Amino acid sequence: MREKEPQFTVTDRRKFTADGELREGQVSESSSQPPVAERPQASPAPAGKSNALQAELDEPLAMNDEETIPEPTAAESAQQNKEYLASASRLDDMLKQANPGQPAVPAMNFDRLVQSLYMTAAVQMGAGTAPNEQPRIDILGARQSIDMLSVLAEKTRGNLTEQEKRLLQNALFDLRMSFLEITNAIASSAQRPPKAGKPH
């Protein structure tokens, strides 16, 4: 004997018709449900108060002193530094075992930091390109690398030896000169009219 198939009742629960009209028997959401909390809309303010009103609206988005990331304690920093040095030492040991004749990686210092940023910016401006290759220039990346050196110079002012200061200033001078040459060349090529095609 064949079992009866289950019966399903389809009920159209859509509140609006295809034309966007409210169906009969449906109550508008605004009257049947409590209002959803929304960000208050600012009423038009006088011209003089517009800046103050904008600052007030933006205030929840701004990070205040209480929301800043907590600074690690001296004990936490010391423990982390100790573990970092131990991990770096294990890495050096593995490298020595894998490459017995290779010299150890030199420790980082201020001179090497400046030289690293200098070389990065120089390569981004086309240095190191093979003679027969077209240089690949990343002028925006170069500007960022030069700006990093500028920040370094600003933040270390008064805390450098004469040799470190001279190294940093020379690096910035050379890189800025190269940057100006490249940007001037880009500007002049952009203003140059295109060459007319050869007549057929």
C-alpha atoms as a PDB file:
ATOM      1  CA  MET A   1       0.000   0.000   0.000  1.00  0.00           C
ATOM      2  CA  ARG A   2       1.408   3.353  -1.045  1.00  0.00           C
ATOM      3  CA  GLU A   3       2.039   5.805   1.781  1.00  0.00           C
ATOM      4  CA  LYS A   4       0.541   9.244   1.593  1.00  0.00           C
ATOM      5  CA  GLU A   5       3.021  11.893   0.545  1.00  0.00           C
ATOM      6  CA  PRO A   6       3.416  14.668   3.110  1.00  0.00           C
ATOM      7  CA  GLN A   7       1.332  17.730   2.368  1.00  0.00           C
ATOM      8  CA  PHE A   8       3.043  21.122   2.282  1.00  0.00           C
ATOM      9  CA  THR A   9       1.304  24.437   2.542  1.00  0.00           C
ATOM     10  CA  VAL A  10       3.045  27.338   0.895  1.00  0.00           C
ATOM     11  CA  THR A  11       2.328  30.677   2.460  1.00  0.00           C
ATOM     12  CA  ASP A  12       3.482  33.908   0.870  1.00  0.00           C
ATOM     13  CA  ARG A  13       4.984  35.871   3.763  1.00  0.00           C
ATOM     14  CA  ARG A  14       6.334  38.687   1.674  1.00  0.00           C
ATOM     15  CA  LYS A  15       5.232  42.045   3.015  1.00  0.00           C
ATOM     16  CA  PHE A  16       5.323  43.829  -0.328  1.00  0.00           C
ATOM     17  CA  THR A  17       3.965  43.109  -3.776  1.00  0.00           C
ATOM     18  CA  ALA A  18       6.114  43.016  -6.902  1.00  0.00           C
ATOM     19  CA  ASP A  19       5.207  46.708  -7.405  1.00  0.00           C
ATOM     20  CA  GLY A  20       6.592  47.603  -3.966  1.00  0.00           C
ATOM     21  CA  GLU A  21       3.145  48.146  -2.404  1.00  0.00           C
ATOM     22  CA  LEU A  22       2.388  46.908   1.125  1.00  0.00           C
ATOM     23  CA  ARG A  23       0.256  43.755   0.995  1.00  0.00           C
ATOM     24  CA  GLU A  24      -3.150  43.698   2.634  1.00  0.00           C
ATOM     25  CA  GLY A  25      -2.995  42.706   6.296  1.00  0.00           C
ATOM     26  CA  GLN A  26       0.675  43.721   6.600  1.00  0.00           C
ATOM     27  CA  VAL A  27       1.608  46.408   9.041  1.00  0.00           C
ATOM     28  CA  SER A  28       4.468  48.744   8.360  1.00  0.00           C
ATOM     29  CA  GLU A  29       7.636  47.826  10.251  1.00  0.00           C
ATOM     30  CA  SER A  30       7.866  51.291  11.660  1.00  0.00           C
ATOM     31  CA  SER A  31       4.597  50.797  13.560  1.00  0.00           C
ATOM     32  CA  SER A  32       4.878  47.078  14.492  1.00  0.00           C
ATOM     33  CA  GLN A  33       8.475  46.832  15.656  1.00  0.00           C
ATOM     34  CA  PRO A  34      10.540  48.953  17.962  1.00  0.00           C
ATOM     35  CA  PRO A  35      12.827  51.292  16.066  1.00  0.00           C
ATOM     36  CA  VAL A  36      16.377  50.110  15.439  1.00  0.00           C
ATOM     37  CA  ALA A  37      18.961  52.294  17.103  1.00  0.00           C
ATOM     38  CA  GLU A  38      20.648  54.380  14.479  1.00  0.00           C
ATOM     39  CA  ARG A  39      23.324  57.018  14.570  1.00  0.00           C
ATOM     40  CA  PRO A  40      21.529  60.311  15.192  1.00  0.00           C
ATOM     41  CA  GLN A  41      21.277  62.511  12.143  1.00  0.00           C
ATOM     42  CA  ALA A  42      22.636  65.970  12.625  1.00  0.00           C
ATOM     43  CA  SER A  43      20.320  68.801  11.789  1.00  0.00           C
ATOM     44  CA  PRO A  44      21.757  71.553   9.645  1.00  0.00           C
ATOM     45  CA  ALA A  45      23.974  73.744  11.777  1.00  0.00           C
ATOM     46  CA  PRO A  46      24.969  77.338  11.319  1.00  0.00           C
ATOM     47  CA  ALA A  47      28.184  77.840   9.359  1.00  0.00           C
ATOM     48  CA  GLY A  48      30.161  78.760  12.466  1.00  0.00           C
ATOM     49  CA  LYS A  49      29.152  75.589  14.314  1.00  0.00           C
ATOM     50  CA  SER A  50      29.709  73.103  11.488  1.00  0.00           C
ATOM     51  CA  ASN A  51      33.297  72.291  12.465  1.00  0.00           C
ATOM     52  CA  ALA A  52      32.377  71.729  16.112  1.00  0.00           C
ATOM     53  CA  LEU A  53      29.464  69.506  15.088  1.00  0.00           C
ATOM     54  CA  GLN A  54      31.657  67.458  12.754  1.00  0.00           C
ATOM     55  CA  ALA A  55      34.228  66.996  15.499  1.00  0.00           C
ATOM     56  CA  GLU A  56      31.475  65.834  17.856  1.00  0.00           C
ATOM     57  CA  LEU A  57      30.207  63.280  15.322  1.00  0.00           C
ATOM     58  CA  ASP A  58      33.723  61.995  14.679  1.00  0.00           C
ATOM     59  CA  GLU A  59      34.609  61.743  18.366  1.00  0.00           C
ATOM     60  CA  PRO A  60      33.562  58.071  18.829  1.00  0.00           C
ATOM     61  CA  LEU A  61      35.864  57.091  15.958  1.00  0.00           C
ATOM     62  CA  ALA A  62      38.912  58.845  17.398  1.00  0.00           C
ATOM     63  CA  MET A  63      41.173  56.844  19.713  1.00  0.00           C
ATOM     64  CA  ASN A  64      41.590  58.474  23.088  1.00  0.00           C
ATOM     65  CA  ASP A  65      44.317  57.898  25.661  1.00  0.00           C
ATOM     66  CA  GLU A  66      42.368  55.138  27.423  1.00  0.00           C
ATOM     67  CA  GLU A  67      42.109  53.088  24.201  1.00  0.00           C
ATOM     68  CA  THR A  68      45.805  53.101  23.314  1.00  0.00           C
ATOM     69  CA  ILE A  69      47.670  49.798  23.228  1.00  0.00           C
ATOM     70  CA  PRO A  70      49.121  49.094  26.686  1.00  0.00           C
ATOM     71  CA  GLU A  71      52.888  49.289  26.906  1.00  0.00           C
ATOM     72  CA  PRO A  72      54.649  46.051  27.899  1.00  0.00           C
ATOM     73  CA  THR A  73      56.198  46.050  31.329  1.00  0.00           C
ATOM     74  CA  ALA A  74      59.975  46.129  31.791  1.00  0.00           C
ATOM     75  CA  ALA A  75      59.900  42.477  32.875  1.00  0.00           C
ATOM     76  CA  GLU A  76      57.907  41.460  29.773  1.00  0.00           C
ATOM     77  CA  SER A  77      60.271  43.357  27.475  1.00  0.00           C
ATOM     78  CA  ALA A  78      63.338  41.823  29.126  1.00  0.00           C
ATOM     79  CA  GLN A  79      61.892  38.304  28.867  1.00  0.00           C
ATOM     80  CA  GLN A  80      60.924  38.780  25.240  1.00  0.00           C
ATOM     81  CA  ASN A  81      64.363  40.178  24.365  1.00  0.00           C
ATOM     82  CA  LYS A  82      66.038  37.222  26.091  1.00  0.00           C
ATOM     83  CA  GLU A  83      63.925  34.726  24.143  1.00  0.00           C
ATOM     84  CA  TYR A  84      64.506  36.605  20.885  1.00  0.00           C
ATOM     85  CA  LEU A  85      68.293  36.540  21.334  1.00  0.00           C
ATOM     86  CA  ALA A  86      68.209  32.825  22.192  1.00  0.00           C
ATOM     87  CA  SER A  87      66.120  32.115  19.086  1.00  0.00           C
ATOM     88  CA  ALA A  88      68.454  34.196  16.896  1.00  0.00           C
ATOM     89  CA  SER A  89      71.448  32.331  18.337  1.00  0.00           C
ATOM     90  CA  ARG A  90      69.862  28.951  17.480  1.00  0.00           C
ATOM     91  CA  LEU A  91      69.272  30.207  13.943  1.00  0.00           C
ATOM     92  CA  ASP A  92      72.935  31.255  13.640  1.00  0.00           C
ATOM     93  CA  ASP A  93      74.032  27.808  14.840  1.00  0.00           C
ATOM     94  CA  MET A  94      71.854  26.099  12.222  1.00  0.00           C
ATOM     95  CA  LEU A  95      73.264  28.338   9.491  1.00  0.00           C
ATOM     96  CA  LYS A  96      76.834  27.539  10.573  1.00  0.00           C
ATOM     97  CA  GLN A  97      76.115  23.800  10.464  1.00  0.00           C
ATOM     98  CA  ALA A  98      74.504  24.058   7.032  1.00  0.00           C
ATOM     99  CA  ASN A  99      77.258  26.337   5.627  1.00  0.00           C
ATOM    100  CA  PRO A 100      80.517  25.686   7.527  1.00  0.00           C
ATOM    101  CA  GLY A 101      82.707  28.050   5.472  1.00  0.00           C
ATOM    102  CA  GLN A 102      80.276  30.956   5.310  1.00  0.00           C
ATOM    103  CA  PRO A 103      81.008  33.939   7.603  1.00  0.00           C
ATOM    104  CA  ALA A 104      78.484  34.805  10.283  1.00  0.00           C
ATOM    105  CA  VAL A 105      75.831  37.412   9.578  1.00  0.00           C
ATOM    106  CA  PRO A 106      77.101  40.737  10.990  1.00  0.00           C
ATOM    107  CA  ALA A 107      75.147  42.275  13.841  1.00  0.00           C
ATOM    108  CA  MET A 108      72.810  45.130  12.962  1.00  0.00           C
ATOM    109  CA  ASN A 109      73.921  48.630  13.869  1.00  0.00           C
ATOM    110  CA  PHE A 110      73.039  52.175  12.843  1.00  0.00           C
ATOM    111  CA  ASP A 111      75.435  52.248   9.878  1.00  0.00           C
ATOM    112  CA  ARG A 112      74.008  49.040   8.429  1.00  0.00           C
ATOM    113  CA  LEU A 113      70.452  50.304   8.924  1.00  0.00           C
ATOM    114  CA  VAL A 114      71.210  53.484   6.960  1.00  0.00           C
ATOM    115  CA  GLN A 115      73.051  51.513   4.260  1.00  0.00           C
ATOM    116  CA  SER A 116      70.142  49.075   3.925  1.00  0.00           C
ATOM    117  CA  LEU A 117      67.598  51.856   3.399  1.00  0.00           C
ATOM    118  CA  TYR A 118      70.016  53.647   1.057  1.00  0.00           C
ATOM    119  CA  MET A 119      70.461  50.553  -1.110  1.00  0.00           C
ATOM    120  CA  THR A 120      66.721  49.881  -1.165  1.00  0.00           C
ATOM    121  CA  ALA A 121      66.004  53.408  -2.422  1.00  0.00           C
ATOM    122  CA  ALA A 122      68.860  53.264  -4.953  1.00  0.00           C
ATOM    123  CA  VAL A 123      67.592  49.973  -6.419  1.00  0.00           C
ATOM    124  CA  GLN A 124      64.060  51.402  -6.571  1.00  0.00           C
ATOM    125  CA  MET A 125      65.489  54.242  -8.677  1.00  0.00           C
ATOM    126  CA  GLY A 126      67.161  51.851 -11.117  1.00  0.00           C
ATOM    127  CA  ALA A 127      70.624  51.324  -9.609  1.00  0.00           C
ATOM    128  CA  GLY A 128      72.177  47.921 -10.194  1.00  0.00           C
ATOM    129  CA  THR A 129      70.500  47.415 -13.559  1.00  0.00           C
ATOM    130  CA  ALA A 130      72.529  45.352 -16.025  1.00  0.00           C
ATOM    131  CA  PRO A 131      74.072  47.396 -18.890  1.00  0.00           C
ATOM    132  CA  ASN A 132      71.749  46.083 -21.615  1.00  0.00           C
ATOM    133  CA  GLU A 133      68.572  46.108 -19.525  1.00  0.00           C
ATOM    134  CA  GLN A 134      65.944  48.794 -19.203  1.00  0.00           C
ATOM    135  CA  PRO A 135      65.975  50.099 -15.592  1.00  0.00           C
ATOM    136  CA  ARG A 136      62.842  49.325 -13.625  1.00  0.00           C
ATOM    137  CA  ILE A 137      62.033  52.363 -11.519  1.00  0.00           C
ATOM    138  CA  ASP A 138      59.647  52.372  -8.575  1.00  0.00           C
ATOM    139  CA  ILE A 139      59.604  56.106  -7.902  1.00  0.00           C
ATOM    140  CA  LEU A 140      56.869  55.934  -5.255  1.00  0.00           C
ATOM    141  CA  GLY A 141      58.696  53.185  -3.394  1.00  0.00           C
ATOM    142  CA  ALA A 142      61.905  55.215  -3.615  1.00  0.00           C
ATOM    143  CA  ARG A 143      60.159  58.246  -2.153  1.00  0.00           C
ATOM    144  CA  GLN A 144      58.924  56.134   0.745  1.00  0.00           C
ATOM    145  CA  SER A 145      62.409  54.776   1.423  1.00  0.00           C
ATOM    146  CA  ILE A 146      63.875  58.298   1.341  1.00  0.00           C
ATOM    147  CA  ASP A 147      61.129  59.458   3.702  1.00  0.00           C
ATOM    148  CA  MET A 148      62.043  56.612   6.079  1.00  0.00           C
ATOM    149  CA  LEU A 149      65.589  57.959   6.221  1.00  0.00           C
ATOM    150  CA  SER A 150      64.185  61.456   6.811  1.00  0.00           C
ATOM    151  CA  VAL A 151      62.138  60.156   9.754  1.00  0.00           C
ATOM    152  CA  LEU A 152      65.225  58.406  11.082  1.00  0.00           C
ATOM    153  CA  ALA A 153      67.205  61.659  10.853  1.00  0.00           C
ATOM    154  CA  GLU A 154      64.446  63.578  12.631  1.00  0.00           C
ATOM    155  CA  LYS A 155      63.984  61.081  15.444  1.00  0.00           C
ATOM    156  CA  THR A 156      67.693  60.561  16.106  1.00  0.00           C
ATOM    157  CA  ARG A 157      68.647  64.251  16.046  1.00  0.00           C
ATOM    158  CA  GLY A 158      71.064  65.031  18.880  1.00  0.00           C
ATOM    159  CA  ASN A 159      71.685  61.343  19.560  1.00  0.00           C
ATOM    160  CA  LEU A 160      74.195  60.482  16.817  1.00  0.00           C
ATOM    161  CA  THR A 161      77.950  60.527  16.639  1.00  0.00           C
ATOM    162  CA  GLU A 162      79.495  62.838  14.047  1.00  0.00           C
ATOM    163  CA  GLN A 163      80.273  59.862  11.818  1.00  0.00           C
ATOM    164  CA  GLU A 164      76.683  58.534  12.003  1.00  0.00           C
ATOM    165  CA  LYS A 165      75.261  61.992  11.347  1.00  0.00           C
ATOM    166  CA  ARG A 166      77.553  62.485   8.317  1.00  0.00           C
ATOM    167  CA  LEU A 167      76.630  59.044   6.927  1.00  0.00           C
ATOM    168  CA  LEU A 168      72.912  59.750   7.223  1.00  0.00           C
ATOM    169  CA  GLN A 169      73.106  63.253   5.740  1.00  0.00           C
ATOM    170  CA  ASN A 170      75.240  62.069   2.802  1.00  0.00           C
ATOM    171  CA  ALA A 171      72.832  59.211   2.109  1.00  0.00           C
ATOM    172  CA  LEU A 172      69.861  61.590   2.121  1.00  0.00           C
ATOM    173  CA  PHE A 173      71.665  64.120  -0.090  1.00  0.00           C
ATOM    174  CA  ASP A 174      72.612  61.523  -2.729  1.00  0.00           C
ATOM    175  CA  LEU A 175      69.177  59.917  -2.789  1.00  0.00           C
ATOM    176  CA  ARG A 176      67.314  63.230  -2.999  1.00  0.00           C
ATOM    177  CA  MET A 177      69.527  64.344  -5.900  1.00  0.00           C
ATOM    178  CA  SER A 178      68.803  61.096  -7.783  1.00  0.00           C
ATOM    179  CA  PHE A 179      65.107  61.438  -7.006  1.00  0.00           C
ATOM    180  CA  LEU A 180      65.035  65.003  -8.382  1.00  0.00           C
ATOM    181  CA  GLU A 181      66.826  63.941 -11.575  1.00  0.00           C
ATOM    182  CA  ILE A 182      64.340  61.143 -12.201  1.00  0.00           C
ATOM    183  CA  THR A 183      61.231  63.178 -11.405  1.00  0.00           C
ATOM    184  CA  ASN A 184      62.472  66.058 -13.592  1.00  0.00           C
ATOM    185  CA  ALA A 185      63.055  63.593 -16.442  1.00  0.00           C
ATOM    186  CA  ILE A 186      59.546  62.170 -15.955  1.00  0.00           C
ATOM    187  CA  ALA A 187      58.035  65.672 -15.956  1.00  0.00           C
ATOM    188  CA  SER A 188      59.906  66.757 -19.089  1.00  0.00           C
ATOM    189  CA  SER A 189      58.961  63.589 -20.989  1.00  0.00           C
ATOM    190  CA  ALA A 190      55.315  64.087 -20.023  1.00  0.00           C
ATOM    191  CA  GLN A 191      55.374  67.647 -21.441  1.00  0.00           C
ATOM    192  CA  ARG A 192      57.173  66.661 -24.650  1.00  0.00           C
ATOM    193  CA  PRO A 193      54.745  66.349 -27.601  1.00  0.00           C
ATOM    194  CA  PRO A 194      54.525  62.870 -29.144  1.00  0.00           C
ATOM    195  CA  LYS A 195      56.599  62.263 -32.249  1.00  0.00           C
ATOM    196  CA  ALA A 196      54.686  62.420 -35.497  1.00  0.00           C
ATOM    197  CA  GLY A 197      54.365  59.113 -37.320  1.00  0.00           C
ATOM    198  CA  LYS A 198      56.297  58.516 -40.513  1.00  0.00           C
ATOM    199  CA  PRO A 199      54.262  59.081 -43.706  1.00  0.00           C
ATOM    200  CA  HIS A 200      53.451  55.930 -45.625  1.00  0.00           C
END
